[in-house]
Protein backbone atom coordinates (compact mmCIF):
# COMPACT_ATOMS: atom_id res chain seq x y z
CA MET A 1 -126.01 -191.25 29.47
CA ILE A 2 -129.58 -192.40 30.16
CA GLN A 3 -128.37 -195.23 32.38
CA ARG A 4 -126.25 -192.83 34.45
CA SER A 5 -129.14 -190.41 34.90
CA LYS A 6 -131.47 -193.29 35.79
CA ALA A 7 -128.96 -194.57 38.35
CA PHE A 8 -128.62 -191.05 39.77
CA PHE A 9 -132.39 -190.63 40.08
CA LEU A 10 -132.82 -194.02 41.72
CA SER A 11 -130.10 -193.22 44.26
CA LEU A 12 -131.94 -190.12 45.51
CA SER A 13 -134.05 -190.16 48.63
CA LEU A 14 -137.83 -189.73 48.48
CA PRO A 15 -137.81 -186.07 49.63
CA ALA A 16 -135.26 -185.20 46.96
CA LYS A 17 -137.39 -186.94 44.32
CA VAL A 18 -140.45 -184.98 45.45
CA LEU A 19 -138.48 -181.74 45.30
CA MET A 20 -137.21 -182.54 41.81
CA ALA A 21 -140.74 -183.45 40.68
CA GLY A 22 -142.01 -180.06 41.86
CA VAL A 23 -139.28 -178.16 40.05
CA ALA A 24 -139.85 -180.23 36.90
CA THR A 25 -143.58 -179.45 37.07
CA VAL A 26 -142.85 -175.72 37.21
CA VAL A 27 -140.39 -175.92 34.30
CA LEU A 28 -142.74 -178.01 32.17
CA SER A 29 -145.68 -175.68 32.85
CA TRP A 30 -143.65 -172.66 31.67
CA ALA A 31 -142.27 -174.34 28.55
CA PRO A 32 -145.36 -174.08 26.28
CA ILE A 33 -145.89 -170.35 26.73
CA LEU A 34 -142.18 -169.64 26.34
CA LEU A 35 -142.09 -171.66 23.13
CA TYR A 36 -145.20 -169.81 21.95
CA LEU A 37 -143.54 -166.47 22.61
CA VAL A 38 -140.36 -167.49 20.79
CA PHE A 39 -142.04 -168.95 17.72
CA VAL A 40 -145.19 -166.86 17.28
CA TYR A 41 -144.01 -163.46 18.49
CA GLY A 42 -140.34 -163.82 17.63
CA LEU A 43 -140.11 -165.80 14.41
CA LEU A 44 -143.51 -165.26 12.81
CA GLY A 45 -144.04 -161.69 13.99
CA VAL A 46 -147.71 -162.21 14.89
CA LYS A 47 -148.67 -159.62 17.50
CA ASP A 48 -152.35 -160.38 18.00
CA GLY A 49 -152.10 -163.84 19.56
CA ASN A 50 -153.91 -164.47 22.83
CA PRO A 51 -152.59 -167.62 24.55
CA ILE A 52 -155.07 -167.72 27.45
CA GLY A 53 -154.88 -171.50 27.83
CA LEU A 54 -151.10 -171.48 27.90
CA GLY A 55 -151.12 -168.70 30.49
CA LEU A 56 -153.54 -170.62 32.69
CA LEU A 57 -151.38 -173.73 32.35
CA MET A 58 -148.37 -171.69 33.41
CA VAL A 59 -150.12 -170.21 36.45
CA PHE A 60 -151.74 -173.38 37.75
CA GLY A 61 -148.70 -175.52 36.94
CA SER A 62 -146.46 -173.09 38.78
CA VAL A 63 -148.70 -173.13 41.84
CA LEU A 64 -148.95 -176.93 41.81
CA GLY A 65 -145.22 -177.38 41.19
CA GLY A 66 -144.36 -174.84 43.87
CA ALA A 67 -146.54 -176.66 46.39
CA ILE A 68 -144.96 -180.01 45.49
CA ALA A 69 -141.46 -178.51 45.73
CA MET A 70 -142.32 -176.96 49.10
CA ILE A 71 -143.49 -180.33 50.42
CA GLY A 72 -140.29 -181.92 49.14
CA LEU A 73 -138.17 -179.21 50.75
CA ILE A 74 -139.95 -179.64 54.09
CA LEU A 75 -139.49 -183.42 53.91
CA LEU A 76 -135.82 -182.99 53.00
CA LEU A 77 -135.19 -180.59 55.88
CA ALA A 78 -137.07 -182.84 58.32
CA SER A 79 -134.98 -185.84 57.29
CA LYS A 80 -131.75 -183.82 57.68
CA ILE A 81 -132.77 -182.62 61.14
CA LYS A 82 -133.81 -186.13 62.17
CA ARG A 83 -130.51 -187.55 60.94
CA ALA A 84 -128.50 -184.83 62.69
CA SER A 85 -130.29 -185.33 66.03
CA SER A 86 -129.81 -189.09 66.15
C-alpha cells in the first residue's frame, strides 16, 4: 500500500504536488482543533475550554495552505494551457 502511494506521488507533476501540498496543509491545520472539539467538548463535556492557539493555527494554516494550493492550481492550469497550445 505504501509503495503504491509512493509510486503514485512520484508520478505526479510538480504543479500537482504543489496543489496536494497546499490541500494537505489546510487539512493538517484544521485537524488539531477538530480533535480538540471532539475529545474535550464531546467526550469529556468540558465547556469552558479556550483553544486560542489551535484557532490561530487553523486560521494561519488555512491561509498558507490556500495560498500554496492557489499557486499549484495556477501552475497546473498554465502547464495544461501550454501543452494544449503546442
